[in-house]
Amino acid sequence: MTNLTISIDEAVVRQARVRAIQEGTSVSAKVRDFLAAYAQGDQPQQAAAQAFIAAARSSQANRSAQRWSRADAHDRAYPGRS
């Protein structure tokens, strides 16, 4: 593992340490996680989008191609109305 030296405002580091303690982690772990995600670029978001699209395409929901109208979507019983 490589060490990295960065300059950060002391007040920011203090607040980050408090928050990291509250989350049960460390500032180093948070920076490490951020840099790992940053280095990967958009890959995690693209992978999630691809997985969602694949799940939607393989879904068996609405295979009958039934269409819903706006009125159908808003048709519901209201308390006190008959």
C-alpha atoms as a PDB file:
ATOM      1  CA  MET A   1       0.000   0.000   0.000  1.00  0.00           C
ATOM      2  CA  THR A   2       1.268   3.469  -0.903  1.00  0.00           C
ATOM      3  CA  ASN A   3       1.289   6.417   1.474  1.00  0.00           C
ATOM      4  CA  LEU A   4      -0.074   9.722   0.183  1.00  0.00           C
ATOM      5  CA  THR A   5       0.570  13.153   1.667  1.00  0.00           C
ATOM      6  CA  ILE A   6      -2.133  15.773   1.145  1.00  0.00           C
ATOM      7  CA  SER A   7      -2.842  19.196   2.632  1.00  0.00           C
ATOM      8  CA  ILE A   8      -6.296  19.710   4.144  1.00  0.00           C
ATOM      9  CA  ASP A   9      -7.649  22.458   6.355  1.00  0.00           C
ATOM     10  CA  GLU A  10      -7.319  21.475  10.014  1.00  0.00           C
ATOM     11  CA  ALA A  11     -10.991  22.193  10.788  1.00  0.00           C
ATOM     12  CA  VAL A  12     -12.092  19.932   7.944  1.00  0.00           C
ATOM     13  CA  VAL A  13      -9.898  17.100   9.199  1.00  0.00           C
ATOM     14  CA  ARG A  14     -11.258  17.539  12.716  1.00  0.00           C
ATOM     15  CA  GLN A  15     -14.870  17.356  11.471  1.00  0.00           C
ATOM     16  CA  ALA A  16     -14.030  14.374   9.264  1.00  0.00           C
ATOM     17  CA  ARG A  17     -12.486  12.505  12.210  1.00  0.00           C
ATOM     18  CA  VAL A  18     -15.582  13.078  14.335  1.00  0.00           C
ATOM     19  CA  ARG A  19     -17.883  11.883  11.553  1.00  0.00           C
ATOM     20  CA  ALA A  20     -15.706   8.865  10.799  1.00  0.00           C
ATOM     21  CA  ILE A  21     -15.753   7.859  14.482  1.00  0.00           C
ATOM     22  CA  GLN A  22     -19.556   8.192  14.475  1.00  0.00           C
ATOM     23  CA  GLU A  23     -19.664   5.875  11.442  1.00  0.00           C
ATOM     24  CA  GLY A  24     -17.251   3.395  12.992  1.00  0.00           C
ATOM     25  CA  THR A  25     -14.492   3.968  10.467  1.00  0.00           C
ATOM     26  CA  SER A  26     -11.455   6.190   9.914  1.00  0.00           C
ATOM     27  CA  VAL A  27     -10.673   9.171   7.728  1.00  0.00           C
ATOM     28  CA  SER A  28      -8.019   7.072   5.969  1.00  0.00           C
ATOM     29  CA  ALA A  29     -10.591   4.405   5.115  1.00  0.00           C
ATOM     30  CA  LYS A  30     -12.991   7.035   3.782  1.00  0.00           C
ATOM     31  CA  VAL A  31     -10.290   8.630   1.620  1.00  0.00           C
ATOM     32  CA  ARG A  32      -9.205   5.185   0.392  1.00  0.00           C
ATOM     33  CA  ASP A  33     -12.828   4.307  -0.552  1.00  0.00           C
ATOM     34  CA  PHE A  34     -13.327   7.651  -2.284  1.00  0.00           C
ATOM     35  CA  LEU A  35     -10.136   7.340  -4.327  1.00  0.00           C
ATOM     36  CA  ALA A  36     -10.963   3.777  -5.341  1.00  0.00           C
ATOM     37  CA  ALA A  37     -14.402   4.875  -6.601  1.00  0.00           C
ATOM     38  CA  TYR A  38     -12.906   7.952  -8.260  1.00  0.00           C
ATOM     39  CA  ALA A  39     -10.290   5.872 -10.044  1.00  0.00           C
ATOM     40  CA  GLN A  40     -12.983   3.582 -11.474  1.00  0.00           C
ATOM     41  CA  GLY A  41     -14.790   6.550 -13.023  1.00  0.00           C
ATOM     42  CA  ASP A  42     -18.354   5.893 -14.126  1.00  0.00           C
ATOM     43  CA  GLN A  43     -17.954   2.122 -14.130  1.00  0.00           C
ATOM     44  CA  PRO A  44     -20.020   1.420 -10.976  1.00  0.00           C
ATOM     45  CA  GLN A  45     -22.911   3.566 -12.226  1.00  0.00           C
ATOM     46  CA  GLN A  46     -22.761   2.014 -15.683  1.00  0.00           C
ATOM     47  CA  ALA A  47     -22.717  -1.484 -14.224  1.00  0.00           C
ATOM     48  CA  ALA A  48     -25.752  -0.691 -12.065  1.00  0.00           C
ATOM     49  CA  ALA A  49     -27.610   0.759 -15.061  1.00  0.00           C
ATOM     50  CA  GLN A  50     -26.775  -2.290 -17.184  1.00  0.00           C
ATOM     51  CA  ALA A  51     -27.968  -4.633 -14.424  1.00  0.00           C
ATOM     52  CA  PHE A  52     -31.240  -2.694 -14.128  1.00  0.00           C
ATOM     53  CA  ILE A  53     -31.857  -2.827 -17.881  1.00  0.00           C
ATOM     54  CA  ALA A  54     -31.083  -6.554 -17.985  1.00  0.00           C
ATOM     55  CA  ALA A  55     -33.486  -7.209 -15.097  1.00  0.00           C
ATOM     56  CA  ALA A  56     -36.218  -5.171 -16.779  1.00  0.00           C
ATOM     57  CA  ARG A  57     -35.790  -7.055 -20.044  1.00  0.00           C
ATOM     58  CA  SER A  58     -35.905 -10.447 -18.363  1.00  0.00           C
ATOM     59  CA  SER A  59     -38.897  -9.535 -16.180  1.00  0.00           C
ATOM     60  CA  GLN A  60     -42.121 -11.437 -16.696  1.00  0.00           C
ATOM     61  CA  ALA A  61     -44.199  -8.457 -15.564  1.00  0.00           C
ATOM     62  CA  ASN A  62     -46.832  -7.192 -17.987  1.00  0.00           C
ATOM     63  CA  ARG A  63     -46.122  -9.834 -20.644  1.00  0.00           C
ATOM     64  CA  SER A  64     -49.744  -9.430 -21.779  1.00  0.00           C
ATOM     65  CA  ALA A  65     -48.838  -5.906 -22.982  1.00  0.00           C
ATOM     66  CA  GLN A  66     -51.792  -4.446 -21.089  1.00  0.00           C
ATOM     67  CA  ARG A  67     -51.941  -0.658 -21.363  1.00  0.00           C
ATOM     68  CA  TRP A  68     -52.923   1.597 -18.498  1.00  0.00           C
ATOM     69  CA  SER A  69     -54.563   4.965 -18.913  1.00  0.00           C
ATOM     70  CA  ARG A  70     -54.020   7.986 -16.708  1.00  0.00           C
ATOM     71  CA  ALA A  71     -57.533   7.466 -15.310  1.00  0.00           C
ATOM     72  CA  ASP A  72     -56.669   3.846 -14.419  1.00  0.00           C
ATOM     73  CA  ALA A  73     -53.582   4.991 -12.568  1.00  0.00           C
ATOM     74  CA  HIS A  74     -55.562   7.472 -10.481  1.00  0.00           C
ATOM     75  CA  ASP A  75     -58.663   5.343  -9.960  1.00  0.00           C
ATOM     76  CA  ARG A  76     -58.822   4.582  -6.239  1.00  0.00           C
ATOM     77  CA  ALA A  77     -61.329   4.516  -3.449  1.00  0.00           C
ATOM     78  CA  TYR A  78     -61.345   7.562  -1.234  1.00  0.00           C
ATOM     79  CA  PRO A  79     -62.451   7.336   2.417  1.00  0.00           C
ATOM     80  CA  GLY A  80     -65.887   8.859   2.941  1.00  0.00           C
ATOM     81  CA  ARG A  81     -66.860   8.652  -0.730  1.00  0.00           C
ATOM     82  CA  SER A  82     -69.064   6.039  -2.260  1.00  0.00           C
END
